[in-house]
Amino acid sequence: MLPYADEVIRIPLASPLFEPILSVVPLQIFAMALATAKGLDVDQPRNLAKSVTVE
């Protein structure tokens, strides 16, 4: 898989029960960096008020 990618996010080997937990954190950081690079405000996402009701 390495010949097809410019960048690789490596996660440590772990039990199948822990793999989702270990992969979420780097992917969230990647998503935040990508949104920031695109000029989006990561603290004020679009359409959040439609799905979250405040009492």
N, C-alpha and C. Protein backbone atom coordinates (compact mmCIF):
# COMPACT_ATOMS: atom_id res chain seq x y z
N MET A 1 0.82 -1.19 0.00
CA MET A 1 0.00 0.00 0.00
C MET A 1 0.87 1.26 0.00
N LEU A 2 2.06 1.19 0.47
CA LEU A 2 2.92 2.38 0.52
C LEU A 2 3.24 2.98 -0.84
N PRO A 3 3.38 2.20 -1.91
CA PRO A 3 3.69 2.84 -3.20
C PRO A 3 2.57 3.73 -3.73
N TYR A 4 1.36 3.59 -3.20
CA TYR A 4 0.22 4.35 -3.72
C TYR A 4 -0.09 5.60 -2.91
N ALA A 5 0.64 5.84 -1.83
CA ALA A 5 0.34 6.97 -0.96
C ALA A 5 1.55 7.87 -0.80
N ASP A 6 1.29 9.18 -0.69
CA ASP A 6 2.37 10.13 -0.41
C ASP A 6 2.63 10.22 1.09
N GLU A 7 1.58 10.15 1.86
CA GLU A 7 1.69 10.22 3.31
C GLU A 7 0.95 9.04 3.92
N VAL A 8 1.46 8.52 5.02
CA VAL A 8 0.85 7.38 5.69
C VAL A 8 0.70 7.71 7.16
N ILE A 9 -0.49 7.48 7.69
CA ILE A 9 -0.72 7.64 9.13
C ILE A 9 -0.62 6.26 9.76
N ARG A 10 0.41 6.06 10.52
CA ARG A 10 0.64 4.74 11.14
C ARG A 10 -0.01 4.71 12.52
N ILE A 11 -0.65 3.60 12.81
CA ILE A 11 -1.19 3.37 14.15
C ILE A 11 -0.57 2.09 14.67
N PRO A 12 -0.35 2.01 15.98
CA PRO A 12 0.31 0.82 16.53
C PRO A 12 -0.57 -0.42 16.42
N LEU A 13 0.08 -1.56 16.35
CA LEU A 13 -0.64 -2.83 16.35
C LEU A 13 -1.28 -3.04 17.70
N ALA A 14 -2.50 -3.50 17.69
CA ALA A 14 -3.22 -3.71 18.94
C ALA A 14 -4.29 -4.76 18.71
N SER A 15 -4.96 -5.09 19.77
CA SER A 15 -6.08 -6.02 19.71
C SER A 15 -7.17 -5.42 18.82
N PRO A 16 -7.93 -6.26 18.11
CA PRO A 16 -9.01 -5.73 17.26
C PRO A 16 -10.02 -4.87 18.02
N LEU A 17 -10.16 -5.09 19.31
CA LEU A 17 -11.07 -4.26 20.10
C LEU A 17 -10.57 -2.84 20.28
N PHE A 18 -9.25 -2.64 20.28
CA PHE A 18 -8.68 -1.33 20.50
C PHE A 18 -8.33 -0.59 19.22
N GLU A 19 -8.32 -1.25 18.08
CA GLU A 19 -7.95 -0.60 16.83
C GLU A 19 -8.82 0.60 16.48
N PRO A 20 -10.15 0.53 16.63
CA PRO A 20 -10.96 1.72 16.31
C PRO A 20 -10.61 2.92 17.19
N ILE A 21 -10.34 2.68 18.46
CA ILE A 21 -9.99 3.76 19.37
C ILE A 21 -8.67 4.39 18.96
N LEU A 22 -7.70 3.54 18.60
CA LEU A 22 -6.39 4.05 18.22
C LEU A 22 -6.41 4.76 16.87
N SER A 23 -7.36 4.45 16.02
CA SER A 23 -7.40 5.11 14.71
C SER A 23 -8.20 6.40 14.72
N VAL A 24 -9.12 6.56 15.66
CA VAL A 24 -9.97 7.75 15.67
C VAL A 24 -9.17 9.02 16.00
N VAL A 25 -8.27 8.94 16.94
CA VAL A 25 -7.54 10.14 17.37
C VAL A 25 -6.69 10.72 16.23
N PRO A 26 -5.85 9.94 15.55
CA PRO A 26 -5.09 10.55 14.44
C PRO A 26 -5.98 11.05 13.31
N LEU A 27 -7.09 10.37 13.05
CA LEU A 27 -7.98 10.82 11.98
C LEU A 27 -8.71 12.10 12.35
N GLN A 28 -9.04 12.28 13.61
CA GLN A 28 -9.66 13.54 14.05
C GLN A 28 -8.66 14.69 13.92
N ILE A 29 -7.42 14.45 14.28
CA ILE A 29 -6.38 15.48 14.15
C ILE A 29 -6.18 15.81 12.67
N PHE A 30 -6.17 14.79 11.81
CA PHE A 30 -6.05 15.02 10.37
C PHE A 30 -7.22 15.83 9.84
N ALA A 31 -8.43 15.50 10.27
CA ALA A 31 -9.62 16.23 9.82
C ALA A 31 -9.58 17.68 10.26
N MET A 32 -9.11 17.94 11.48
CA MET A 32 -9.00 19.31 11.96
C MET A 32 -7.97 20.09 11.15
N ALA A 33 -6.82 19.47 10.87
CA ALA A 33 -5.78 20.14 10.09
C ALA A 33 -6.26 20.41 8.66
N LEU A 34 -6.99 19.47 8.09
CA LEU A 34 -7.52 19.66 6.73
C LEU A 34 -8.54 20.79 6.69
N ALA A 35 -9.44 20.83 7.67
CA ALA A 35 -10.44 21.90 7.71
C ALA A 35 -9.78 23.25 7.89
N THR A 36 -8.78 23.31 8.74
CA THR A 36 -8.07 24.57 8.96
C THR A 36 -7.34 25.00 7.68
N ALA A 37 -6.74 24.05 6.98
CA ALA A 37 -6.04 24.37 5.73
C ALA A 37 -7.02 24.86 4.66
N LYS A 38 -8.25 24.38 4.70
CA LYS A 38 -9.26 24.82 3.74
C LYS A 38 -9.89 26.14 4.15
N GLY A 39 -9.52 26.67 5.33
CA GLY A 39 -10.05 27.94 5.77
C GLY A 39 -11.38 27.85 6.48
N LEU A 40 -11.77 26.67 6.92
CA LEU A 40 -13.04 26.49 7.63
C LEU A 40 -12.84 26.69 9.13
N ASP A 41 -13.87 27.17 9.79
CA ASP A 41 -13.81 27.38 11.24
C ASP A 41 -14.18 26.06 11.93
N VAL A 42 -13.20 25.44 12.56
CA VAL A 42 -13.45 24.14 13.18
C VAL A 42 -14.26 24.26 14.46
N ASP A 43 -14.36 25.46 15.03
CA ASP A 43 -15.12 25.65 16.26
C ASP A 43 -16.59 25.99 15.99
N GLN A 44 -16.94 26.34 14.77
CA GLN A 44 -18.32 26.68 14.42
C GLN A 44 -18.72 25.92 13.16
N PRO A 45 -18.98 24.61 13.27
CA PRO A 45 -19.34 23.85 12.07
C PRO A 45 -20.71 24.26 11.52
N ARG A 46 -20.88 24.09 10.22
CA ARG A 46 -22.15 24.43 9.56
C ARG A 46 -23.24 23.46 9.99
N ASN A 47 -24.47 23.95 10.01
CA ASN A 47 -25.66 23.16 10.25
C ASN A 47 -25.69 22.42 11.59
N LEU A 48 -24.89 22.84 12.53
CA LEU A 48 -24.89 22.18 13.83
C LEU A 48 -26.18 22.50 14.60
N ALA A 49 -26.70 23.70 14.45
CA ALA A 49 -27.92 24.08 15.16
C ALA A 49 -29.11 23.25 14.72
N LYS A 50 -29.10 22.75 13.49
CA LYS A 50 -30.21 21.95 13.00
C LYS A 50 -30.25 20.58 13.66
N SER A 51 -29.12 20.05 14.07
CA SER A 51 -29.10 18.71 14.64
C SER A 51 -28.97 18.69 16.15
N VAL A 52 -28.61 19.82 16.75
CA VAL A 52 -28.45 19.89 18.20
C VAL A 52 -29.42 20.92 18.73
N THR A 53 -30.26 20.53 19.65
CA THR A 53 -31.20 21.48 20.25
C THR A 53 -30.67 21.90 21.61
N VAL A 54 -30.76 23.19 21.89
CA VAL A 54 -30.29 23.75 23.15
C VAL A 54 -31.50 24.12 23.98
N GLU A 55 -31.50 23.67 25.21
CA GLU A 55 -32.61 24.00 26.10
C GLU A 55 -32.27 25.10 27.06
